[in-house]
N, C-alpha and C. Protein backbone atom coordinates (compact mmCIF):
# COMPACT_ATOMS: atom_id res chain seq x y z
N ALA A 1 105.65 105.85 182.72
CA ALA A 1 106.78 105.78 181.79
C ALA A 1 107.37 104.37 181.82
N PRO A 2 107.70 103.82 180.62
CA PRO A 2 108.24 102.46 180.61
C PRO A 2 109.61 102.40 181.24
N ARG A 3 109.85 101.28 181.92
CA ARG A 3 111.17 101.06 182.52
C ARG A 3 112.04 100.39 181.47
N HIS A 4 113.27 100.85 181.35
CA HIS A 4 114.19 100.26 180.39
C HIS A 4 115.23 99.45 181.14
N HIS A 5 115.32 98.17 180.79
CA HIS A 5 116.28 97.28 181.41
C HIS A 5 117.41 97.04 180.44
N SER A 6 118.61 97.02 180.95
CA SER A 6 119.72 96.64 180.08
C SER A 6 119.69 95.13 179.90
N GLN A 7 120.29 94.67 178.82
CA GLN A 7 120.32 93.24 178.57
C GLN A 7 121.02 92.50 179.71
N SER A 8 121.98 93.16 180.37
CA SER A 8 122.71 92.49 181.44
C SER A 8 121.83 92.20 182.65
N GLN A 9 120.68 92.88 182.79
CA GLN A 9 119.78 92.63 183.90
C GLN A 9 118.92 91.39 183.66
N MET A 10 118.92 90.89 182.44
CA MET A 10 118.13 89.72 182.12
C MET A 10 118.91 88.48 182.52
N SER A 11 118.20 87.49 183.02
CA SER A 11 118.88 86.26 183.38
C SER A 11 118.99 85.35 182.18
N SER A 12 119.85 84.38 182.25
CA SER A 12 120.07 83.40 181.20
C SER A 12 118.74 82.78 180.80
N PRO A 13 118.48 82.43 179.55
CA PRO A 13 119.38 82.43 178.41
C PRO A 13 119.34 83.70 177.59
N LEU A 14 118.87 84.80 178.12
CA LEU A 14 118.64 86.00 177.34
C LEU A 14 119.69 87.08 177.59
N GLU A 15 120.93 86.69 177.84
CA GLU A 15 121.95 87.66 178.19
C GLU A 15 122.58 88.32 176.98
N SER A 16 122.52 87.74 175.82
CA SER A 16 123.09 88.32 174.61
C SER A 16 122.11 89.31 174.01
N PRO A 17 122.59 90.41 173.41
CA PRO A 17 121.68 91.38 172.80
C PRO A 17 120.95 90.83 171.57
N THR A 18 121.44 89.76 170.96
CA THR A 18 120.79 89.16 169.81
C THR A 18 120.37 87.74 170.15
N GLN A 19 119.08 87.47 170.07
CA GLN A 19 118.53 86.15 170.36
C GLN A 19 117.53 85.78 169.28
N THR A 20 117.10 84.55 169.29
CA THR A 20 116.06 84.13 168.37
C THR A 20 114.71 84.19 169.08
N LEU A 21 113.66 84.16 168.29
CA LEU A 21 112.31 84.15 168.86
C LEU A 21 112.10 82.90 169.71
N ALA A 22 112.64 81.78 169.27
CA ALA A 22 112.52 80.53 170.04
C ALA A 22 113.22 80.65 171.39
N THR A 23 114.37 81.32 171.46
CA THR A 23 115.09 81.51 172.72
C THR A 23 114.24 82.33 173.69
N TYR A 24 113.63 83.40 173.19
CA TYR A 24 112.74 84.20 174.05
C TYR A 24 111.57 83.35 174.53
N ALA A 25 111.01 82.55 173.62
CA ALA A 25 109.87 81.71 174.00
C ALA A 25 110.25 80.73 175.10
N ARG A 26 111.40 80.09 174.95
CA ARG A 26 111.85 79.14 175.99
C ARG A 26 112.14 79.85 177.30
N GLY A 27 112.73 81.03 177.23
CA GLY A 27 113.14 81.73 178.45
C GLY A 27 112.04 82.47 179.17
N LEU A 28 111.00 82.89 178.44
CA LEU A 28 109.99 83.77 179.05
C LEU A 28 108.55 83.28 178.95
N LYS A 29 108.32 82.21 178.22
CA LYS A 29 106.95 81.77 177.94
C LYS A 29 106.15 81.47 179.21
N ARG A 30 106.80 80.98 180.24
CA ARG A 30 106.08 80.58 181.46
C ARG A 30 105.77 81.77 182.38
N LEU A 31 106.30 82.92 182.09
CA LEU A 31 106.02 84.09 182.92
C LEU A 31 104.60 84.60 182.68
N ASP A 32 103.96 85.08 183.75
CA ASP A 32 102.66 85.71 183.52
C ASP A 32 102.91 87.08 182.89
N ARG A 33 101.85 87.70 182.41
CA ARG A 33 101.96 88.97 181.67
C ARG A 33 102.72 90.05 182.46
N ALA A 34 102.39 90.23 183.73
CA ALA A 34 103.03 91.28 184.53
C ALA A 34 104.53 91.04 184.68
N ARG A 35 104.92 89.81 184.98
CA ARG A 35 106.35 89.50 185.13
C ARG A 35 107.08 89.61 183.79
N PHE A 36 106.43 89.20 182.72
CA PHE A 36 107.01 89.32 181.37
C PHE A 36 107.27 90.80 181.06
N LEU A 37 106.25 91.65 181.28
CA LEU A 37 106.38 93.07 180.96
C LEU A 37 107.36 93.78 181.89
N ASP A 38 107.61 93.21 183.06
CA ASP A 38 108.64 93.74 183.93
C ASP A 38 110.02 93.45 183.34
N ARG A 39 110.18 92.32 182.67
CA ARG A 39 111.44 91.91 182.05
C ARG A 39 111.66 92.59 180.71
N ILE A 40 110.60 92.71 179.92
CA ILE A 40 110.68 93.27 178.56
C ILE A 40 109.85 94.55 178.55
N SER A 41 110.52 95.68 178.64
CA SER A 41 109.79 96.95 178.74
C SER A 41 110.05 97.88 177.56
N CYS A 42 110.79 97.43 176.56
CA CYS A 42 111.05 98.25 175.39
C CYS A 42 110.46 97.55 174.16
N PRO A 43 110.20 98.29 173.09
CA PRO A 43 109.74 97.63 171.86
C PRO A 43 110.84 96.70 171.35
N MET A 44 110.45 95.78 170.50
CA MET A 44 111.38 94.81 169.94
C MET A 44 111.34 94.89 168.42
N MET A 45 112.36 94.35 167.80
CA MET A 45 112.34 94.11 166.36
C MET A 45 112.43 92.60 166.19
N VAL A 46 111.40 92.02 165.57
CA VAL A 46 111.34 90.57 165.38
C VAL A 46 111.41 90.31 163.88
N GLU A 47 112.42 89.55 163.49
CA GLU A 47 112.59 89.26 162.07
C GLU A 47 111.32 88.63 161.52
N SER A 48 110.94 89.09 160.34
CA SER A 48 109.75 88.57 159.68
C SER A 48 109.88 87.07 159.46
N ALA A 49 108.76 86.38 159.44
CA ALA A 49 108.76 84.93 159.23
C ALA A 49 109.13 84.57 157.80
N TYR A 50 109.16 85.55 156.91
CA TYR A 50 109.46 85.28 155.51
C TYR A 50 110.79 85.87 155.13
N ALA A 51 111.72 85.03 154.69
CA ALA A 51 113.07 85.47 154.32
C ALA A 51 113.00 86.40 153.12
N ALA A 52 113.88 87.38 153.10
CA ALA A 52 113.94 88.33 152.00
C ALA A 52 114.46 87.65 150.74
N VAL A 53 113.95 88.12 149.62
CA VAL A 53 114.44 87.66 148.32
C VAL A 53 115.54 88.62 147.92
N ALA A 54 116.69 88.10 147.53
CA ALA A 54 117.82 88.96 147.16
C ALA A 54 117.51 89.69 145.87
N GLN A 55 117.16 90.95 145.99
CA GLN A 55 116.87 91.82 144.85
C GLN A 55 117.42 93.19 145.20
N GLY A 56 117.39 94.07 144.28
CA GLY A 56 117.91 95.40 144.57
C GLY A 56 117.02 96.49 144.01
N GLY A 57 117.30 97.70 144.43
CA GLY A 57 116.65 98.88 143.89
C GLY A 57 115.14 98.86 143.99
N ALA A 58 114.49 99.38 142.95
CA ALA A 58 113.04 99.51 142.93
C ALA A 58 112.34 98.16 142.89
N GLN A 59 113.03 97.09 142.55
CA GLN A 59 112.44 95.77 142.47
C GLN A 59 112.33 95.09 143.83
N ALA A 60 112.78 95.72 144.87
CA ALA A 60 112.80 95.08 146.19
C ALA A 60 111.40 94.69 146.65
N PHE A 61 110.38 95.43 146.30
CA PHE A 61 109.01 95.13 146.68
C PHE A 61 108.21 94.95 145.41
N ARG A 62 107.84 93.69 145.13
CA ARG A 62 107.08 93.41 143.92
C ARG A 62 106.12 92.28 144.20
N THR A 63 105.12 92.15 143.35
CA THR A 63 104.19 91.04 143.43
C THR A 63 104.67 89.99 142.46
N ALA A 64 104.71 88.73 142.91
CA ALA A 64 105.18 87.66 142.05
C ALA A 64 104.52 86.36 142.48
N PHE A 65 104.36 85.44 141.53
CA PHE A 65 103.86 84.11 141.82
C PHE A 65 105.01 83.31 142.41
N VAL A 66 104.75 82.66 143.53
CA VAL A 66 105.76 81.85 144.19
C VAL A 66 105.18 80.45 144.40
N GLU A 67 105.90 79.43 143.96
CA GLU A 67 105.47 78.04 144.17
C GLU A 67 105.42 77.76 145.67
N SER A 68 104.53 76.87 146.09
CA SER A 68 104.38 76.58 147.52
C SER A 68 105.66 76.03 148.14
N GLY A 69 106.42 75.21 147.41
CA GLY A 69 107.69 74.69 147.93
C GLY A 69 108.71 75.79 148.14
N GLU A 70 108.75 76.74 147.20
CA GLU A 70 109.67 77.88 147.34
C GLU A 70 109.25 78.76 148.52
N ALA A 71 107.94 78.99 148.67
CA ALA A 71 107.45 79.80 149.79
C ALA A 71 107.81 79.15 151.12
N ALA A 72 107.66 77.84 151.22
CA ALA A 72 108.00 77.15 152.46
C ALA A 72 109.49 77.26 152.76
N SER A 73 110.32 77.24 151.72
CA SER A 73 111.76 77.33 151.95
C SER A 73 112.17 78.72 152.41
N ARG A 74 111.35 79.72 152.13
CA ARG A 74 111.65 81.09 152.56
C ARG A 74 111.11 81.40 153.95
N THR A 75 110.26 80.54 154.49
CA THR A 75 109.66 80.76 155.80
C THR A 75 110.68 80.44 156.88
N LEU A 76 110.88 81.40 157.78
CA LEU A 76 111.83 81.20 158.88
C LEU A 76 111.11 80.66 160.11
N SER A 77 111.68 79.64 160.71
CA SER A 77 111.14 79.10 161.95
C SER A 77 111.51 80.03 163.10
N PRO A 78 110.84 79.91 164.24
CA PRO A 78 111.22 80.70 165.41
C PRO A 78 112.69 80.52 165.80
N GLU A 79 113.27 79.36 165.48
CA GLU A 79 114.69 79.11 165.77
C GLU A 79 115.61 79.99 164.93
N ARG A 80 115.11 80.51 163.81
CA ARG A 80 115.94 81.31 162.91
C ARG A 80 115.55 82.78 162.86
N ARG A 81 114.46 83.17 163.54
CA ARG A 81 114.01 84.55 163.52
C ARG A 81 114.71 85.35 164.61
N THR A 82 115.51 86.31 164.21
CA THR A 82 116.27 87.15 165.14
C THR A 82 115.34 88.14 165.84
N VAL A 83 115.60 88.36 167.13
CA VAL A 83 114.88 89.36 167.91
C VAL A 83 115.91 90.34 168.46
N LEU A 84 115.65 91.63 168.28
CA LEU A 84 116.55 92.68 168.75
C LEU A 84 115.77 93.67 169.60
N SER A 85 116.33 94.08 170.73
CA SER A 85 115.71 95.08 171.61
C SER A 85 115.92 96.46 171.03
N VAL A 86 114.89 97.27 171.04
CA VAL A 86 114.99 98.65 170.59
C VAL A 86 115.20 99.51 171.83
N GLN A 87 116.47 99.57 172.23
CA GLN A 87 116.84 100.35 173.41
C GLN A 87 118.28 100.80 173.30
N LYS A 88 118.60 101.82 174.04
CA LYS A 88 119.96 102.35 174.06
C LYS A 88 120.88 101.34 174.73
N ARG A 89 121.99 101.04 174.09
CA ARG A 89 122.98 100.12 174.64
C ARG A 89 124.07 100.94 175.33
N GLN A 90 124.54 100.46 176.47
CA GLN A 90 125.59 101.17 177.20
C GLN A 90 126.83 101.29 176.31
N ASN A 91 127.45 102.44 176.31
CA ASN A 91 128.66 102.75 175.54
C ASN A 91 128.46 102.77 174.03
N ALA A 92 127.22 102.83 173.56
CA ALA A 92 126.97 102.90 172.12
C ALA A 92 127.14 104.34 171.65
N ALA A 93 127.38 104.47 170.36
CA ALA A 93 127.56 105.80 169.76
C ALA A 93 126.23 106.55 169.70
N PHE A 94 126.29 107.87 169.51
CA PHE A 94 125.14 108.73 169.25
C PHE A 94 124.12 108.69 170.40
N SER A 95 124.39 109.42 171.44
CA SER A 95 123.63 109.33 172.69
C SER A 95 122.16 109.71 172.59
N GLY A 96 121.73 110.52 171.66
CA GLY A 96 120.33 110.95 171.63
C GLY A 96 119.38 110.01 170.93
N HIS A 97 119.89 109.03 170.22
CA HIS A 97 119.06 108.14 169.41
C HIS A 97 119.49 106.69 169.60
N ILE A 98 118.69 105.79 169.06
CA ILE A 98 119.01 104.36 169.07
C ILE A 98 119.39 104.01 167.63
N GLY A 99 120.71 103.92 167.40
CA GLY A 99 121.24 103.72 166.06
C GLY A 99 121.12 102.29 165.57
N VAL A 100 120.86 102.15 164.26
CA VAL A 100 120.75 100.85 163.60
C VAL A 100 121.70 100.84 162.40
N GLY A 101 122.48 99.77 162.26
CA GLY A 101 123.36 99.65 161.11
C GLY A 101 124.30 98.48 161.26
N ARG A 102 125.25 98.39 160.33
CA ARG A 102 126.24 97.30 160.36
C ARG A 102 127.33 97.50 161.39
N THR A 103 127.56 98.72 161.80
CA THR A 103 128.66 99.05 162.70
C THR A 103 128.39 98.51 164.11
N PRO A 104 129.35 97.75 164.66
CA PRO A 104 129.14 97.13 165.98
C PRO A 104 128.97 98.11 167.14
N ASN A 105 129.41 99.36 167.00
CA ASN A 105 129.26 100.29 168.12
C ASN A 105 127.90 100.99 168.13
N LEU A 106 127.00 100.61 167.23
CA LEU A 106 125.64 101.15 167.27
C LEU A 106 124.80 100.33 168.25
N ASP A 107 123.65 100.85 168.61
CA ASP A 107 122.77 100.17 169.56
C ASP A 107 122.24 98.86 169.00
N ILE A 108 121.88 98.86 167.73
CA ILE A 108 121.34 97.67 167.08
C ILE A 108 122.21 97.39 165.86
N CYS A 109 123.01 96.35 165.96
CA CYS A 109 123.91 95.96 164.87
C CYS A 109 123.26 94.86 164.05
N ILE A 110 123.04 95.15 162.76
CA ILE A 110 122.51 94.16 161.83
C ILE A 110 123.56 94.01 160.74
N ALA A 111 124.45 93.07 160.91
CA ALA A 111 125.59 92.89 160.00
C ALA A 111 125.16 92.00 158.83
N ARG A 112 124.40 92.58 157.92
CA ARG A 112 123.89 91.84 156.77
C ARG A 112 124.07 92.66 155.49
N THR A 113 124.10 91.95 154.39
CA THR A 113 124.25 92.58 153.08
C THR A 113 123.13 93.60 152.86
N GLY A 114 123.51 94.75 152.36
CA GLY A 114 122.53 95.79 152.05
C GLY A 114 122.31 96.80 153.15
N ILE A 115 122.71 96.47 154.37
CA ILE A 115 122.55 97.40 155.50
C ILE A 115 123.74 98.36 155.50
N SER A 116 123.45 99.65 155.60
CA SER A 116 124.51 100.66 155.65
C SER A 116 125.19 100.65 157.01
N LYS A 117 126.40 101.21 157.07
CA LYS A 117 127.13 101.27 158.34
C LYS A 117 126.28 101.93 159.42
N PHE A 118 125.70 103.09 159.13
CA PHE A 118 124.74 103.75 160.01
C PHE A 118 123.50 103.94 159.15
N HIS A 119 122.58 103.01 159.24
CA HIS A 119 121.45 102.92 158.32
C HIS A 119 120.29 103.84 158.71
N ALA A 120 119.90 103.79 159.99
CA ALA A 120 118.73 104.53 160.47
C ALA A 120 118.83 104.69 161.98
N TYR A 121 117.87 105.41 162.55
CA TYR A 121 117.83 105.48 164.01
C TYR A 121 116.40 105.64 164.51
N PHE A 122 116.18 105.10 165.71
CA PHE A 122 114.92 105.25 166.42
C PHE A 122 115.05 106.41 167.39
N SER A 123 113.95 107.08 167.66
CA SER A 123 113.90 108.08 168.71
C SER A 123 112.55 107.95 169.42
N ASP A 124 112.56 108.21 170.70
CA ASP A 124 111.34 108.14 171.52
C ASP A 124 110.87 109.57 171.73
N VAL A 125 109.72 109.90 171.13
CA VAL A 125 109.16 111.25 171.24
C VAL A 125 107.88 111.14 172.05
N GLN A 126 107.96 111.51 173.32
CA GLN A 126 106.83 111.48 174.25
C GLN A 126 106.11 110.14 174.24
N GLY A 127 106.88 109.04 174.30
CA GLY A 127 106.31 107.72 174.39
C GLY A 127 105.98 107.05 173.06
N THR A 128 106.17 107.75 171.95
CA THR A 128 105.95 107.17 170.62
C THR A 128 107.29 107.04 169.93
N PHE A 129 107.59 105.84 169.46
CA PHE A 129 108.85 105.64 168.75
C PHE A 129 108.72 106.10 167.31
N HIS A 130 109.77 106.76 166.84
CA HIS A 130 109.88 107.23 165.46
C HIS A 130 111.10 106.57 164.84
N LEU A 131 111.08 106.43 163.52
CA LEU A 131 112.21 105.88 162.78
C LEU A 131 112.62 106.89 161.72
N THR A 132 113.92 107.10 161.60
CA THR A 132 114.48 108.05 160.64
C THR A 132 115.56 107.36 159.83
N ASP A 133 115.48 107.45 158.50
CA ASP A 133 116.53 106.92 157.63
C ASP A 133 117.71 107.88 157.67
N LYS A 134 118.90 107.34 157.76
CA LYS A 134 120.13 108.15 157.85
C LYS A 134 120.86 108.11 156.50
N GLN A 135 120.13 108.43 155.43
CA GLN A 135 120.69 108.44 154.07
C GLN A 135 121.32 107.09 153.73
N SER A 136 120.61 106.03 154.06
CA SER A 136 121.10 104.69 153.76
C SER A 136 121.12 104.46 152.26
N THR A 137 122.00 103.59 151.81
CA THR A 137 122.13 103.29 150.40
C THR A 137 120.90 102.58 149.85
N ASN A 138 120.39 101.59 150.58
CA ASN A 138 119.30 100.75 150.09
C ASN A 138 117.94 101.03 150.71
N GLY A 139 117.85 102.07 151.50
CA GLY A 139 116.56 102.52 152.01
C GLY A 139 116.07 101.86 153.28
N THR A 140 115.18 102.60 153.94
CA THR A 140 114.45 102.15 155.12
C THR A 140 112.98 102.30 154.77
N PHE A 141 112.18 101.27 155.07
CA PHE A 141 110.79 101.25 154.69
C PHE A 141 109.92 100.98 155.91
N VAL A 142 108.80 101.68 156.01
CA VAL A 142 107.81 101.45 157.06
C VAL A 142 106.49 101.17 156.37
N ALA A 143 105.93 100.00 156.63
CA ALA A 143 104.67 99.56 156.01
C ALA A 143 104.74 99.68 154.49
N GLY A 144 105.90 99.34 153.92
CA GLY A 144 106.07 99.34 152.47
C GLY A 144 106.44 100.67 151.86
N ARG A 145 106.45 101.74 152.65
CA ARG A 145 106.76 103.07 152.13
C ARG A 145 108.21 103.43 152.45
N ARG A 146 108.96 103.82 151.42
CA ARG A 146 110.36 104.21 151.63
C ARG A 146 110.41 105.55 152.35
N LEU A 147 111.22 105.62 153.39
CA LEU A 147 111.35 106.86 154.16
C LEU A 147 112.23 107.85 153.44
N VAL A 148 111.86 109.11 153.56
CA VAL A 148 112.69 110.20 153.06
C VAL A 148 113.81 110.37 154.08
N PRO A 149 115.09 110.35 153.65
CA PRO A 149 116.19 110.51 154.60
C PRO A 149 116.02 111.77 155.46
N GLY A 150 116.21 111.60 156.75
CA GLY A 150 116.12 112.71 157.70
C GLY A 150 114.72 112.97 158.22
N GLU A 151 113.70 112.34 157.67
CA GLU A 151 112.32 112.56 158.09
C GLU A 151 111.91 111.49 159.10
N ALA A 152 111.56 111.91 160.33
CA ALA A 152 111.14 110.98 161.38
C ALA A 152 109.69 110.55 161.14
N VAL A 153 109.45 109.25 161.16
CA VAL A 153 108.11 108.69 160.94
C VAL A 153 107.67 107.94 162.19
N PRO A 154 106.48 108.26 162.74
CA PRO A 154 106.01 107.52 163.92
C PRO A 154 105.69 106.07 163.55
N LEU A 155 105.94 105.17 164.50
CA LEU A 155 105.74 103.74 164.27
C LEU A 155 104.53 103.22 165.04
N ALA A 156 103.66 102.53 164.32
CA ALA A 156 102.51 101.89 164.95
C ALA A 156 102.96 100.54 165.53
N ASP A 157 102.27 100.10 166.55
CA ASP A 157 102.55 98.81 167.18
C ASP A 157 102.34 97.69 166.15
N GLY A 158 103.39 96.87 165.95
CA GLY A 158 103.30 95.73 165.05
C GLY A 158 103.58 96.02 163.59
N VAL A 159 103.93 97.26 163.25
CA VAL A 159 104.20 97.61 161.86
C VAL A 159 105.42 96.86 161.33
N GLU A 160 105.46 96.62 160.02
CA GLU A 160 106.62 95.97 159.42
C GLU A 160 107.60 97.04 158.96
N ILE A 161 108.86 96.83 159.31
CA ILE A 161 109.96 97.73 158.95
C ILE A 161 110.93 96.94 158.09
N HIS A 162 111.46 97.57 157.05
CA HIS A 162 112.52 96.96 156.24
C HIS A 162 113.74 97.86 156.30
N PHE A 163 114.87 97.26 156.57
CA PHE A 163 116.17 97.92 156.42
C PHE A 163 116.75 97.24 155.19
N ALA A 164 116.79 97.95 154.06
CA ALA A 164 117.10 97.36 152.76
C ALA A 164 116.05 96.27 152.52
N THR A 165 116.46 95.02 152.31
CA THR A 165 115.49 93.94 152.08
C THR A 165 115.22 93.11 153.33
N HIS A 166 115.74 93.51 154.47
CA HIS A 166 115.60 92.74 155.71
C HIS A 166 114.38 93.25 156.49
N ALA A 167 113.38 92.38 156.65
CA ALA A 167 112.10 92.76 157.25
C ALA A 167 112.01 92.36 158.72
N PHE A 168 111.46 93.27 159.51
CA PHE A 168 111.25 93.07 160.94
C PHE A 168 109.87 93.60 161.31
N LEU A 169 109.25 92.94 162.28
CA LEU A 169 108.04 93.47 162.89
C LEU A 169 108.47 94.32 164.07
N PHE A 170 107.66 95.33 164.41
CA PHE A 170 107.97 96.25 165.50
C PHE A 170 106.87 96.15 166.57
N PRO A 171 106.92 95.09 167.40
CA PRO A 171 105.88 94.95 168.42
C PRO A 171 106.21 95.69 169.72
N SER A 172 105.16 96.21 170.36
CA SER A 172 105.29 96.74 171.71
C SER A 172 105.58 95.56 172.64
N PRO A 173 105.98 95.83 173.87
CA PRO A 173 106.19 94.71 174.81
C PRO A 173 104.94 93.83 174.96
N ALA A 174 103.75 94.43 175.01
CA ALA A 174 102.51 93.65 175.16
C ALA A 174 102.26 92.77 173.94
N ARG A 175 102.48 93.28 172.75
CA ARG A 175 102.29 92.49 171.53
C ARG A 175 103.38 91.41 171.45
N PHE A 176 104.59 91.73 171.89
CA PHE A 176 105.67 90.74 171.91
C PHE A 176 105.31 89.60 172.86
N PHE A 177 104.69 89.93 174.00
CA PHE A 177 104.23 88.91 174.95
C PHE A 177 103.28 87.94 174.24
N GLU A 178 102.33 88.46 173.48
CA GLU A 178 101.38 87.60 172.76
C GLU A 178 102.09 86.74 171.73
N LEU A 179 103.07 87.31 171.03
CA LEU A 179 103.83 86.55 170.04
C LEU A 179 104.61 85.41 170.70
N VAL A 180 105.29 85.71 171.80
CA VAL A 180 106.06 84.68 172.52
C VAL A 180 105.14 83.58 173.00
N ARG A 181 103.97 83.94 173.52
CA ARG A 181 103.00 82.95 174.01
C ARG A 181 102.51 82.03 172.88
N SER A 182 102.50 82.54 171.65
CA SER A 182 101.98 81.76 170.52
C SER A 182 103.00 80.76 169.97
N ILE A 183 104.26 80.88 170.39
CA ILE A 183 105.32 80.00 169.88
C ILE A 183 105.29 78.69 170.63
N GLY A 184 105.35 77.60 169.92
CA GLY A 184 105.34 76.28 170.54
C GLY A 184 106.74 75.78 170.86
N ALA A 185 107.51 76.53 171.64
CA ALA A 185 108.88 76.13 171.97
C ALA A 185 108.93 75.44 173.31
């Protein structure tokens, strides 16, 4: 069974629950795999390298021609890609699940436009993480498919998740280790 560490058990510079991918790379890149996995034992949410385009409704996912300059301007560097731990936070609301939303008392607070106060939640079912939309206004998507509110969907390692138009990768600790190692920080 995976060991869950609170953020307070991590040493500097990783003491805040919200960090960038570059911060993780600087703080953990030199650790060998075993020591890294001892420090990071829960799945993570890593902001996609491509910034969301401000759109709404059914148009949120579309195919479009994008000029190379515009595409480069939408690409987020590791310094700007947020990383969030998918774990229960001490004193957070809703004890049976890992809540995601704009509200600061949830386990994962994403205070961005389009995110509902209580948007969705993760649950660990016999070692497999599931994601459930909590009747969010702008939807929760897994691998491009909008979730039916209240329906728990199992998550594959590395799958892309969208909360409204905000995209995150969902790597296991081992996949996150590979991602951190690939960053030139």
